[in-house]
Amino acid sequence: MNGNDERRAEVRSYLVGYAGAIVMTGVAFAIVQWPIASPKLTFAAVLTLAFTQIVLQFRCFLHISLRRSARDDLQLILFSTLVVALMVGGTLVILLNLRERMM
């Protein structure tokens, strides 16, 4: 592949990711705006679309895949997500505990 083909493939990846993100966001908004199912099913559909969009953005924008060369990047993202989740969870536990003690 020469430089021009690589550039074309990269631009195509960005366009596919952008179009997919727009479509999934629109579908999620439509599902919530015009409910056609029970609230639990609507929540499950929106959650599924959200996770699908995360995977799409990792693949198309961050170029993270399951190839051996990209696993280090994926592990870094997963570890960072774990650290942020622990920090947010710990903060919520502390704040809810303080709220309970104040009431």
Protein backbone atom coordinates (compact mmCIF):
# COMPACT_ATOMS: atom_id res chain seq x y z
CA MET A 1 0.00 0.00 0.00
CA ASN A 2 1.34 3.37 -0.87
CA GLY A 3 0.67 6.55 1.12
CA ASN A 4 -2.33 7.53 -0.93
CA ASP A 5 -4.10 4.19 -0.39
CA GLU A 6 -3.41 4.33 3.36
CA ARG A 7 -4.83 7.84 3.52
CA ARG A 8 -7.95 6.73 1.62
CA ALA A 9 -8.45 3.76 3.96
CA GLU A 10 -8.07 6.02 6.99
CA VAL A 11 -10.56 8.58 5.66
CA ARG A 12 -12.99 5.76 4.81
CA SER A 13 -12.64 4.44 8.36
CA TYR A 14 -13.44 7.89 9.78
CA LEU A 15 -16.44 8.32 7.49
CA VAL A 16 -17.83 4.88 8.35
CA GLY A 17 -17.36 5.60 12.05
CA TYR A 18 -18.98 9.03 11.80
CA ALA A 19 -21.96 7.74 9.81
CA GLY A 20 -22.40 4.79 12.16
CA ALA A 21 -22.26 7.03 15.23
CA ILE A 22 -24.83 9.42 13.73
CA VAL A 23 -27.18 6.56 12.81
CA MET A 24 -26.89 4.86 16.22
CA THR A 25 -27.43 8.14 18.06
CA GLY A 26 -30.47 8.91 15.91
CA VAL A 27 -31.93 5.46 16.49
CA ALA A 28 -31.42 5.81 20.25
CA PHE A 29 -33.15 9.19 20.28
CA ALA A 30 -36.00 7.82 18.15
CA ILE A 31 -36.48 4.82 20.44
CA VAL A 32 -36.80 7.12 23.43
CA GLN A 33 -38.88 9.80 21.68
CA TRP A 34 -41.42 7.39 20.20
CA PRO A 35 -41.62 4.45 22.61
CA ILE A 36 -42.77 1.29 20.87
CA ALA A 37 -41.80 -1.14 23.61
CA SER A 38 -41.77 -1.42 27.39
CA PRO A 39 -39.41 0.83 29.34
CA LYS A 40 -37.15 -2.11 30.21
CA LEU A 41 -36.82 -3.13 26.56
CA THR A 42 -36.23 0.49 25.56
CA PHE A 43 -33.48 0.78 28.17
CA ALA A 44 -31.88 -2.46 26.97
CA ALA A 45 -31.97 -1.26 23.35
CA VAL A 46 -30.39 2.09 24.21
CA LEU A 47 -27.73 0.36 26.33
CA THR A 48 -26.96 -2.04 23.49
CA LEU A 49 -26.67 0.85 21.03
CA ALA A 50 -24.35 2.66 23.45
CA PHE A 51 -21.99 -0.30 23.80
CA THR A 52 -22.06 -0.88 20.05
CA GLN A 53 -21.19 2.75 19.49
CA ILE A 54 -18.28 2.50 21.93
CA VAL A 55 -16.89 -0.48 20.01
CA LEU A 56 -17.42 1.33 16.70
CA GLN A 57 -15.59 4.42 17.94
CA PHE A 58 -12.72 2.36 19.34
CA ARG A 59 -12.36 0.62 15.99
CA CYS A 60 -12.91 3.50 13.57
CA PHE A 61 -11.49 6.52 15.41
CA LEU A 62 -8.91 5.07 17.80
CA HIS A 63 -7.97 2.19 15.44
CA ILE A 64 -8.05 -0.29 18.31
CA SER A 65 -8.57 -3.89 17.27
CA LEU A 66 -7.83 -7.32 18.69
CA ARG A 67 -4.62 -7.70 16.69
CA ARG A 68 -1.60 -8.44 18.83
CA SER A 69 -0.01 -5.05 18.05
CA ALA A 70 -3.07 -3.12 19.29
CA ARG A 71 -3.70 -5.12 22.46
CA ASP A 72 -1.45 -2.86 24.52
CA ASP A 73 -3.62 0.13 23.62
CA LEU A 74 -6.77 -1.79 24.47
CA GLN A 75 -5.34 -2.86 27.83
CA LEU A 76 -4.41 0.75 28.59
CA ILE A 77 -7.95 1.93 27.80
CA LEU A 78 -9.52 -0.85 29.89
CA PHE A 79 -7.23 -0.11 32.85
CA SER A 80 -7.97 3.61 32.61
CA THR A 81 -11.69 2.83 32.54
CA LEU A 82 -11.29 0.66 35.64
CA VAL A 83 -9.45 3.43 37.51
CA VAL A 84 -12.08 6.03 36.59
CA ALA A 85 -14.91 3.64 37.57
CA LEU A 86 -13.25 2.99 40.94
CA MET A 87 -12.81 6.71 41.56
CA VAL A 88 -16.40 7.55 40.64
CA GLY A 89 -17.76 4.58 42.61
CA GLY A 90 -15.70 5.48 45.68
CA THR A 91 -16.81 9.09 45.50
CA LEU A 92 -20.45 8.03 45.27
CA VAL A 93 -20.07 5.70 48.27
CA ILE A 94 -18.53 8.49 50.35
CA LEU A 95 -21.13 11.07 49.31
CA LEU A 96 -24.08 8.74 49.92
CA ASN A 97 -22.64 7.74 53.29
CA LEU A 98 -22.27 11.41 54.27
CA ARG A 99 -25.81 12.15 53.08
CA GLU A 100 -27.17 9.30 55.17
CA ARG A 101 -25.32 10.52 58.26
CA MET A 102 -26.57 14.09 57.79
CA MET A 103 -30.24 13.07 57.54
